[in-house]
């Protein structure tokens, strides 16, 4: 009886080890082949974070521009960044994506 239990434990341990090795092998293959291993939600959240940073940079540029020839460009840049960010937020809400690190979602 104890021999059957030991065999059962070994079998379960081997399955767990094999599952772990398969997971590591898959991850390694994705990294080596250059495949992106992030989920679609993670990709969208990263894009939103970049868009928000772009908007903040555009606002900072607008606040610091002194050349009259660049003011129109600065305004355009702020509006374009704001519009892109708003669009991405709308898409994220439609897909029911939320993030603890991004308060707007």
Protein backbone atom coordinates (compact mmCIF):
# COMPACT_ATOMS: atom_id res chain seq x y z
CA UNK A 1 0.00 0.00 0.00
CA UNK A 2 2.75 2.47 0.90
CA UNK A 3 4.52 1.54 -2.31
CA UNK A 4 1.42 2.56 -4.33
CA UNK A 5 1.23 5.88 -2.46
CA UNK A 6 4.92 6.56 -3.07
CA UNK A 7 4.46 5.78 -6.76
CA UNK A 8 1.46 8.08 -6.94
CA UNK A 9 3.44 10.90 -5.27
CA UNK A 10 6.37 10.40 -7.64
CA UNK A 11 4.04 10.44 -10.62
CA UNK A 12 2.40 13.70 -9.46
CA UNK A 13 5.82 15.24 -8.76
CA UNK A 14 7.07 14.24 -12.23
CA UNK A 15 3.97 15.74 -13.86
CA UNK A 16 4.48 19.00 -11.96
CA UNK A 17 8.15 19.09 -12.92
CA UNK A 18 7.32 18.36 -16.56
CA UNK A 19 4.66 21.07 -16.60
CA UNK A 20 7.13 23.55 -15.12
CA UNK A 21 9.81 22.60 -17.64
CA UNK A 22 7.33 22.97 -20.52
CA UNK A 23 6.36 26.41 -19.27
CA UNK A 24 10.02 27.49 -18.99
CA UNK A 25 10.77 26.02 -22.42
CA UNK A 26 7.86 27.90 -23.96
CA UNK A 27 8.93 31.15 -22.31
CA UNK A 28 12.52 30.65 -23.45
CA UNK A 29 11.40 29.91 -27.02
CA UNK A 30 9.32 33.09 -27.08
CA UNK A 31 12.22 35.20 -25.81
CA UNK A 32 14.74 33.63 -28.19
CA UNK A 33 12.40 33.98 -31.17
CA UNK A 34 11.57 37.56 -30.22
CA UNK A 35 7.89 36.93 -29.69
CA UNK A 36 6.04 39.32 -27.43
CA UNK A 37 4.81 37.39 -24.40
CA UNK A 38 2.57 40.13 -22.99
CA UNK A 39 -1.20 39.78 -23.09
CA UNK A 40 -3.29 42.04 -25.30
CA UNK A 41 -4.50 43.91 -22.20
CA UNK A 42 -0.90 44.53 -21.10
CA UNK A 43 -0.03 45.86 -24.55
CA UNK A 44 -2.98 48.26 -24.52
CA UNK A 45 -2.15 49.45 -20.99
CA UNK A 46 1.46 50.07 -22.04
CA UNK A 47 0.26 52.03 -25.08
CA UNK A 48 -2.02 54.12 -22.85
CA UNK A 49 0.84 54.86 -20.46
CA UNK A 50 3.01 55.98 -23.38
CA UNK A 51 0.20 58.15 -24.76
CA UNK A 52 -0.28 59.76 -21.35
CA UNK A 53 3.44 60.47 -21.10
CA UNK A 54 3.39 61.92 -24.62
CA UNK A 55 0.51 64.21 -23.61
CA UNK A 56 2.39 65.37 -20.50
CA UNK A 57 5.50 66.05 -22.59
CA UNK A 58 3.45 68.02 -25.11
CA UNK A 59 1.95 70.09 -22.28
CA UNK A 60 5.42 70.77 -20.88
CA UNK A 61 6.66 71.80 -24.35
CA UNK A 62 3.69 74.16 -24.72
CA UNK A 63 4.40 75.74 -21.31
CA UNK A 64 8.04 76.32 -22.20
CA UNK A 65 7.86 77.42 -25.83
CA UNK A 66 8.89 81.01 -26.37
CA UNK A 67 9.26 81.24 -30.14
CA UNK A 68 6.04 82.58 -31.70
CA UNK A 69 6.57 80.31 -34.70
CA UNK A 70 6.40 77.24 -32.46
CA UNK A 71 3.25 78.13 -30.53
CA UNK A 72 0.91 76.73 -33.19
CA UNK A 73 3.00 73.58 -33.35
CA UNK A 74 2.87 73.22 -29.56
CA UNK A 75 -0.92 73.62 -29.54
CA UNK A 76 -1.30 71.05 -32.31
CA UNK A 77 0.97 68.64 -30.46
CA UNK A 78 -1.03 68.95 -27.21
CA UNK A 79 -4.36 68.47 -28.97
CA UNK A 80 -3.10 65.47 -30.95
CA UNK A 81 -1.68 63.78 -27.85
CA UNK A 82 -4.84 64.48 -25.85
CA UNK A 83 -7.05 63.08 -28.61
CA UNK A 84 -4.93 59.93 -28.93
CA UNK A 85 -5.01 59.37 -25.16
CA UNK A 86 -8.79 59.85 -25.01
CA UNK A 87 -9.28 57.40 -27.87
CA UNK A 88 -7.13 54.74 -26.23
CA UNK A 89 -8.97 55.19 -22.93
CA UNK A 90 -12.29 54.76 -24.75
CA UNK A 91 -11.06 51.53 -26.36
CA UNK A 92 -9.81 50.22 -22.99
CA UNK A 93 -13.18 50.93 -21.37
CA UNK A 94 -15.02 49.20 -24.21
CA UNK A 95 -12.78 46.16 -23.71
CA UNK A 96 -13.32 46.33 -19.92
CA UNK A 97 -9.62 46.69 -19.29
CA UNK A 98 -8.65 48.14 -15.94
CA UNK A 99 -5.40 48.75 -14.15
CA UNK A 100 -4.47 49.39 -10.54
CA UNK A 101 -1.49 51.45 -11.67
CA UNK A 102 -3.51 53.72 -13.95
CA UNK A 103 -6.22 55.57 -11.96
CA UNK A 104 -8.22 56.65 -15.00
CA UNK A 105 -9.08 53.10 -16.03
